[in-house]
Amino acid sequence: MEDNSRNDIRKLLKTFGINADEAIIAHLARNPECPDLKIRITLEDLTDYGTDLPDKSLGYEIEGTIRR
């Protein structure tokens, strides 16, 4: 894999991580009485492949709990 691809991946993941952290912290602050958060993070390929679809689609999902 080229360095450009790796750098693009890392940049996207870093941006997502920072923004997701801020969104979760803000949500917890706005909802001080809410119980532990159960969240799902989903990765979905939005590429328009036309008629040349890949053999296996890109998708990844994790679930977890954020304790109060």
PDB file of N, CA and C in Angstrom:
ATOM      1  N   MET A   1       0.850  -1.178   0.000  1.00  0.00           N
ATOM      2  CA  MET A   1       0.000   0.000   0.000  1.00  0.00           C
ATOM      3  C   MET A   1       0.893   1.237   0.000  1.00  0.00           C
ATOM      4  N   GLU A   2       0.488   2.214  -0.750  1.00  0.00           N
ATOM      5  CA  GLU A   2       1.273   3.440  -0.858  1.00  0.00           C
ATOM      6  C   GLU A   2       1.175   4.273   0.423  1.00  0.00           C
ATOM      7  N   ASP A   3       2.216   5.067   0.651  1.00  0.00           N
ATOM      8  CA  ASP A   3       2.224   5.958   1.812  1.00  0.00           C
ATOM      9  C   ASP A   3       1.065   6.942   1.770  1.00  0.00           C
ATOM     10  N   ASN A   4       0.684   7.402   0.558  1.00  0.00           N
ATOM     11  CA  ASN A   4      -0.438   8.338   0.440  1.00  0.00           C
ATOM     12  C   ASN A   4      -1.716   7.731   0.987  1.00  0.00           C
ATOM     13  N   SER A   5      -1.960   6.477   0.666  1.00  0.00           N
ATOM     14  CA  SER A   5      -3.159   5.798   1.156  1.00  0.00           C
ATOM     15  C   SER A   5      -3.141   5.702   2.678  1.00  0.00           C
ATOM     16  N   ARG A   6      -2.012   5.282   3.219  1.00  0.00           N
ATOM     17  CA  ARG A   6      -1.875   5.178   4.679  1.00  0.00           C
ATOM     18  C   ARG A   6      -2.101   6.522   5.355  1.00  0.00           C
ATOM     19  N   ASN A   7      -1.514   7.568   4.797  1.00  0.00           N
ATOM     20  CA  ASN A   7      -1.678   8.906   5.372  1.00  0.00           C
ATOM     21  C   ASN A   7      -3.133   9.360   5.313  1.00  0.00           C
ATOM     22  N   ASP A   8      -3.810   9.080   4.202  1.00  0.00           N
ATOM     23  CA  ASP A   8      -5.222   9.437   4.083  1.00  0.00           C
ATOM     24  C   ASP A   8      -6.070   8.694   5.115  1.00  0.00           C
ATOM     25  N   ILE A   9      -5.792   7.409   5.284  1.00  0.00           N
ATOM     26  CA  ILE A   9      -6.522   6.598   6.269  1.00  0.00           C
ATOM     27  C   ILE A   9      -6.314   7.159   7.671  1.00  0.00           C
ATOM     28  N   ARG A  10      -5.080   7.403   8.028  1.00  0.00           N
ATOM     29  CA  ARG A  10      -4.771   7.924   9.368  1.00  0.00           C
ATOM     30  C   ARG A  10      -5.405   9.287   9.609  1.00  0.00           C
ATOM     31  N   LYS A  11      -5.394  10.144   8.581  1.00  0.00           N
ATOM     32  CA  LYS A  11      -5.999  11.467   8.718  1.00  0.00           C
ATOM     33  C   LYS A  11      -7.507  11.354   8.976  1.00  0.00           C
ATOM     34  N   LEU A  12      -8.182  10.498   8.203  1.00  0.00           N
ATOM     35  CA  LEU A  12      -9.619  10.295   8.405  1.00  0.00           C
ATOM     36  C   LEU A  12      -9.923   9.742   9.794  1.00  0.00           C
ATOM     37  N   LEU A  13      -9.168   8.741  10.210  1.00  0.00           N
ATOM     38  CA  LEU A  13      -9.414   8.134  11.518  1.00  0.00           C
ATOM     39  C   LEU A  13      -9.122   9.099  12.661  1.00  0.00           C
ATOM     40  N   LYS A  14      -8.071   9.894  12.518  1.00  0.00           N
ATOM     41  CA  LYS A  14      -7.749  10.882  13.551  1.00  0.00           C
ATOM     42  C   LYS A  14      -8.855  11.926  13.649  1.00  0.00           C
ATOM     43  N   THR A  15      -9.300  12.437  12.509  1.00  0.00           N
ATOM     44  CA  THR A  15     -10.380  13.427  12.504  1.00  0.00           C
ATOM     45  C   THR A  15     -11.650  12.838  13.099  1.00  0.00           C
ATOM     46  N   PHE A  16     -11.982  11.614  12.697  1.00  0.00           N
ATOM     47  CA  PHE A  16     -13.166  10.965  13.252  1.00  0.00           C
ATOM     48  C   PHE A  16     -13.035  10.812  14.757  1.00  0.00           C
ATOM     49  N   GLY A  17     -11.889  10.350  15.223  1.00  0.00           N
ATOM     50  CA  GLY A  17     -11.690  10.123  16.652  1.00  0.00           C
ATOM     51  C   GLY A  17     -11.857  11.392  17.468  1.00  0.00           C
ATOM     52  N   ILE A  18     -11.271  12.471  17.013  1.00  0.00           N
ATOM     53  CA  ILE A  18     -11.374  13.750  17.730  1.00  0.00           C
ATOM     54  C   ILE A  18     -12.818  14.242  17.738  1.00  0.00           C
ATOM     55  N   ASN A  19     -13.472  14.215  16.567  1.00  0.00           N
ATOM     56  CA  ASN A  19     -14.849  14.699  16.482  1.00  0.00           C
ATOM     57  C   ASN A  19     -15.820  13.815  17.254  1.00  0.00           C
ATOM     58  N   ALA A  20     -15.620  12.512  17.207  1.00  0.00           N
ATOM     59  CA  ALA A  20     -16.486  11.596  17.945  1.00  0.00           C
ATOM     60  C   ALA A  20     -16.326  11.808  19.451  1.00  0.00           C
ATOM     61  N   ASP A  21     -15.104  11.987  19.903  1.00  0.00           N
ATOM     62  CA  ASP A  21     -14.849  12.250  21.321  1.00  0.00           C
ATOM     63  C   ASP A  21     -15.585  13.511  21.772  1.00  0.00           C
ATOM     64  N   GLU A  22     -15.472  14.568  20.987  1.00  0.00           N
ATOM     65  CA  GLU A  22     -16.139  15.826  21.336  1.00  0.00           C
ATOM     66  C   GLU A  22     -17.659  15.668  21.334  1.00  0.00           C
ATOM     67  N   ALA A  23     -18.200  14.937  20.357  1.00  0.00           N
ATOM     68  CA  ALA A  23     -19.651  14.728  20.283  1.00  0.00           C
ATOM     69  C   ALA A  23     -20.156  13.923  21.476  1.00  0.00           C
ATOM     70  N   ILE A  24     -19.417  12.900  21.872  1.00  0.00           N
ATOM     71  CA  ILE A  24     -19.833  12.072  23.013  1.00  0.00           C
ATOM     72  C   ILE A  24     -19.758  12.871  24.306  1.00  0.00           C
ATOM     73  N   ILE A  25     -18.679  13.601  24.508  1.00  0.00           N
ATOM     74  CA  ILE A  25     -18.537  14.425  25.713  1.00  0.00           C
ATOM     75  C   ILE A  25     -19.652  15.456  25.791  1.00  0.00           C
ATOM     76  N   ALA A  26     -19.974  16.101  24.663  1.00  0.00           N
ATOM     77  CA  ALA A  26     -21.060  17.087  24.642  1.00  0.00           C
ATOM     78  C   ALA A  26     -22.404  16.420  24.951  1.00  0.00           C
ATOM     79  N   HIS A  27     -22.625  15.250  24.407  1.00  0.00           N
ATOM     80  CA  HIS A  27     -23.878  14.521  24.665  1.00  0.00           C
ATOM     81  C   HIS A  27     -24.003  14.182  26.146  1.00  0.00           C
ATOM     82  N   LEU A  28     -22.925  13.705  26.741  1.00  0.00           N
ATOM     83  CA  LEU A  28     -22.950  13.376  28.171  1.00  0.00           C
ATOM     84  C   LEU A  28     -23.197  14.623  29.015  1.00  0.00           C
ATOM     85  N   ALA A  29     -22.611  15.751  28.620  1.00  0.00           N
ATOM     86  CA  ALA A  29     -22.804  16.996  29.365  1.00  0.00           C
ATOM     87  C   ALA A  29     -24.245  17.491  29.268  1.00  0.00           C
ATOM     88  N   ARG A  30     -24.862  17.327  28.089  1.00  0.00           N
ATOM     89  CA  ARG A  30     -26.256  17.762  27.903  1.00  0.00           C
ATOM     90  C   ARG A  30     -27.255  16.830  28.576  1.00  0.00           C
ATOM     91  N   ASN A  31     -26.822  15.623  28.866  1.00  0.00           N
ATOM     92  CA  ASN A  31     -27.708  14.601  29.434  1.00  0.00           C
ATOM     93  C   ASN A  31     -27.075  13.978  30.668  1.00  0.00           C
ATOM     94  N   PRO A  32     -26.951  14.755  31.752  1.00  0.00           N
ATOM     95  CA  PRO A  32     -26.233  14.255  32.926  1.00  0.00           C
ATOM     96  C   PRO A  32     -26.900  13.059  33.616  1.00  0.00           C
ATOM     97  N   GLU A  33     -28.169  12.858  33.368  1.00  0.00           N
ATOM     98  CA  GLU A  33     -28.876  11.756  34.008  1.00  0.00           C
ATOM     99  C   GLU A  33     -28.934  10.491  33.149  1.00  0.00           C
ATOM    100  N   CYS A  34     -28.376  10.541  31.957  1.00  0.00           N
ATOM    101  CA  CYS A  34     -28.477   9.358  31.098  1.00  0.00           C
ATOM    102  C   CYS A  34     -27.593   8.247  31.649  1.00  0.00           C
ATOM    103  N   PRO A  35     -28.025   7.010  31.442  1.00  0.00           N
ATOM    104  CA  PRO A  35     -27.221   5.868  31.921  1.00  0.00           C
ATOM    105  C   PRO A  35     -25.997   5.672  31.024  1.00  0.00           C
ATOM    106  N   ASP A  36     -25.288   4.578  31.250  1.00  0.00           N
ATOM    107  CA  ASP A  36     -24.159   4.243  30.376  1.00  0.00           C
ATOM    108  C   ASP A  36     -24.617   4.280  28.922  1.00  0.00           C
ATOM    109  N   LEU A  37     -23.759   4.785  28.047  1.00  0.00           N
ATOM    110  CA  LEU A  37     -24.085   4.840  26.624  1.00  0.00           C
ATOM    111  C   LEU A  37     -23.695   3.539  25.948  1.00  0.00           C
ATOM    112  N   LYS A  38     -24.576   3.018  25.155  1.00  0.00           N
ATOM    113  CA  LYS A  38     -24.263   1.867  24.312  1.00  0.00           C
ATOM    114  C   LYS A  38     -24.199   2.403  22.899  1.00  0.00           C
ATOM    115  N   ILE A  39     -23.022   2.318  22.290  1.00  0.00           N
ATOM    116  CA  ILE A  39     -22.852   2.912  20.961  1.00  0.00           C
ATOM    117  C   ILE A  39     -22.351   1.882  19.954  1.00  0.00           C
ATOM    118  N   ARG A  40     -22.589   2.217  18.696  1.00  0.00           N
ATOM    119  CA  ARG A  40     -22.112   1.401  17.581  1.00  0.00           C
ATOM    120  C   ARG A  40     -21.375   2.337  16.631  1.00  0.00           C
ATOM    121  N   ILE A  41     -20.215   1.902  16.188  1.00  0.00           N
ATOM    122  CA  ILE A  41     -19.432   2.641  15.204  1.00  0.00           C
ATOM    123  C   ILE A  41     -19.379   1.782  13.945  1.00  0.00           C
ATOM    124  N   THR A  42     -19.779   2.386  12.826  1.00  0.00           N
ATOM    125  CA  THR A  42     -19.882   1.645  11.574  1.00  0.00           C
ATOM    126  C   THR A  42     -19.014   2.299  10.503  1.00  0.00           C
ATOM    127  N   LEU A  43     -18.273   1.473   9.793  1.00  0.00           N
ATOM    128  CA  LEU A  43     -17.491   1.908   8.641  1.00  0.00           C
ATOM    129  C   LEU A  43     -18.175   1.356   7.398  1.00  0.00           C
ATOM    130  N   GLU A  44     -18.504   2.246   6.465  1.00  0.00           N
ATOM    131  CA  GLU A  44     -19.225   1.829   5.265  1.00  0.00           C
ATOM    132  C   GLU A  44     -18.579   2.470   4.038  1.00  0.00           C
ATOM    133  N   ASP A  45     -18.334   1.674   3.034  1.00  0.00           N
ATOM    134  CA  ASP A  45     -17.755   2.151   1.777  1.00  0.00           C
ATOM    135  C   ASP A  45     -18.859   2.808   0.948  1.00  0.00           C
ATOM    136  N   LEU A  46     -18.679   4.076   0.607  1.00  0.00           N
ATOM    137  CA  LEU A  46     -19.664   4.828  -0.170  1.00  0.00           C
ATOM    138  C   LEU A  46     -19.247   5.017  -1.625  1.00  0.00           C
ATOM    139  N   THR A  47     -18.191   4.347  -2.038  1.00  0.00           N
ATOM    140  CA  THR A  47     -17.658   4.489  -3.383  1.00  0.00           C
ATOM    141  C   THR A  47     -18.657   4.011  -4.427  1.00  0.00           C
ATOM    142  N   ASP A  48     -18.786   4.778  -5.512  1.00  0.00           N
ATOM    143  CA  ASP A  48     -19.619   4.363  -6.641  1.00  0.00           C
ATOM    144  C   ASP A  48     -18.736   3.552  -7.580  1.00  0.00           C
ATOM    145  N   TYR A  49     -18.881   2.243  -7.542  1.00  0.00           N
ATOM    146  CA  TYR A  49     -18.077   1.358  -8.381  1.00  0.00           C
ATOM    147  C   TYR A  49     -18.718   1.123  -9.745  1.00  0.00           C
ATOM    148  N   GLY A  50     -19.882   1.697  -9.985  1.00  0.00           N
ATOM    149  CA  GLY A  50     -20.591   1.442 -11.232  1.00  0.00           C
ATOM    150  C   GLY A  50     -20.982  -0.019 -11.296  1.00  0.00           C
ATOM    151  N   THR A  51     -20.671  -0.661 -12.399  1.00  0.00           N
ATOM    152  CA  THR A  51     -21.016  -2.081 -12.546  1.00  0.00           C
ATOM    153  C   THR A  51     -19.853  -2.994 -12.148  1.00  0.00           C
ATOM    154  N   ASP A  52     -18.708  -2.419 -11.816  1.00  0.00           N
ATOM    155  CA  ASP A  52     -17.509  -3.206 -11.479  1.00  0.00           C
ATOM    156  C   ASP A  52     -17.369  -3.317  -9.959  1.00  0.00           C
ATOM    157  N   LEU A  53     -18.322  -3.990  -9.320  1.00  0.00           N
ATOM    158  CA  LEU A  53     -18.322  -4.118  -7.866  1.00  0.00           C
ATOM    159  C   LEU A  53     -17.177  -5.010  -7.387  1.00  0.00           C
ATOM    160  N   PRO A  54     -16.604  -4.686  -6.219  1.00  0.00           N
ATOM    161  CA  PRO A  54     -15.551  -5.550  -5.673  1.00  0.00           C
ATOM    162  C   PRO A  54     -16.141  -6.895  -5.239  1.00  0.00           C
ATOM    163  N   ASP A  55     -15.278  -7.907  -5.155  1.00  0.00           N
ATOM    164  CA  ASP A  55     -15.725  -9.238  -4.745  1.00  0.00           C
ATOM    165  C   ASP A  55     -16.328  -9.217  -3.346  1.00  0.00           C
ATOM    166  N   LYS A  56     -15.709  -8.443  -2.464  1.00  0.00           N
ATOM    167  CA  LYS A  56     -16.174  -8.362  -1.088  1.00  0.00           C
ATOM    168  C   LYS A  56     -16.286  -6.880  -0.722  1.00  0.00           C
ATOM    169  N   SER A  57     -17.417  -6.488  -0.163  1.00  0.00           N
ATOM    170  CA  SER A  57     -17.598  -5.082   0.179  1.00  0.00           C
ATOM    171  C   SER A  57     -16.840  -4.744   1.467  1.00  0.00           C
ATOM    172  N   LEU A  58     -16.509  -3.463   1.595  1.00  0.00           N
ATOM    173  CA  LEU A  58     -15.826  -2.984   2.779  1.00  0.00           C
ATOM    174  C   LEU A  58     -16.866  -2.591   3.813  1.00  0.00           C
ATOM    175  N   GLY A  59     -16.783  -3.181   4.960  1.00  0.00           N
ATOM    176  CA  GLY A  59     -17.673  -2.830   6.048  1.00  0.00           C
ATOM    177  C   GLY A  59     -17.069  -3.303   7.358  1.00  0.00           C
ATOM    178  N   TYR A  60     -17.245  -2.499   8.390  1.00  0.00           N
ATOM    179  CA  TYR A  60     -16.709  -2.856   9.695  1.00  0.00           C
ATOM    180  C   TYR A  60     -17.595  -2.201  10.743  1.00  0.00           C
ATOM    181  N   GLU A  61     -17.830  -2.913  11.831  1.00  0.00           N
ATOM    182  CA  GLU A  61     -18.716  -2.399  12.862  1.00  0.00           C
ATOM    183  C   GLU A  61     -18.232  -2.872  14.231  1.00  0.00           C
ATOM    184  N   ILE A  62     -18.233  -1.951  15.191  1.00  0.00           N
ATOM    185  CA  ILE A  62     -17.931  -2.326  16.570  1.00  0.00           C
ATOM    186  C   ILE A  62     -19.003  -1.719  17.467  1.00  0.00           C
ATOM    187  N   GLU A  63     -19.227  -2.366  18.587  1.00  0.00           N
ATOM    188  CA  GLU A  63     -20.168  -1.852  19.592  1.00  0.00           C
ATOM    189  C   GLU A  63     -19.439  -1.817  20.910  1.00  0.00           C
ATOM    190  N   GLY A  64     -19.858  -0.885  21.753  1.00  0.00           N
ATOM    191  CA  GLY A  64     -19.234  -0.789  23.062  1.00  0.00           C
ATOM    192  C   GLY A  64     -20.077   0.064  24.003  1.00  0.00           C
ATOM    193  N   THR A  65     -19.654   0.104  25.230  1.00  0.00           N
ATOM    194  CA  THR A  65     -20.343   0.860  26.261  1.00  0.00           C
ATOM    195  C   THR A  65     -19.404   1.919  26.813  1.00  0.00           C
ATOM    196  N   ILE A  66     -19.947   3.110  27.000  1.00  0.00           N
ATOM    197  CA  ILE A  66     -19.225   4.194  27.657  1.00  0.00           C
ATOM    198  C   ILE A  66     -19.845   4.361  29.021  1.00  0.00           C
ATOM    199  N   ARG A  67     -19.073   4.024  30.052  1.00  0.00           N
ATOM    200  CA  ARG A  67     -19.595   4.064  31.423  1.00  0.00           C
ATOM    201  C   ARG A  67     -19.699   5.490  31.937  1.00  0.00           C
ATOM    202  N   ARG A  68     -20.699   5.718  32.754  1.00  0.00           N
ATOM    203  CA  ARG A  68     -20.893   7.015  33.393  1.00  0.00           C
ATOM    204  C   ARG A  68     -20.053   7.109  34.630  1.00  0.00           C
TER     205      ARG A  68
END
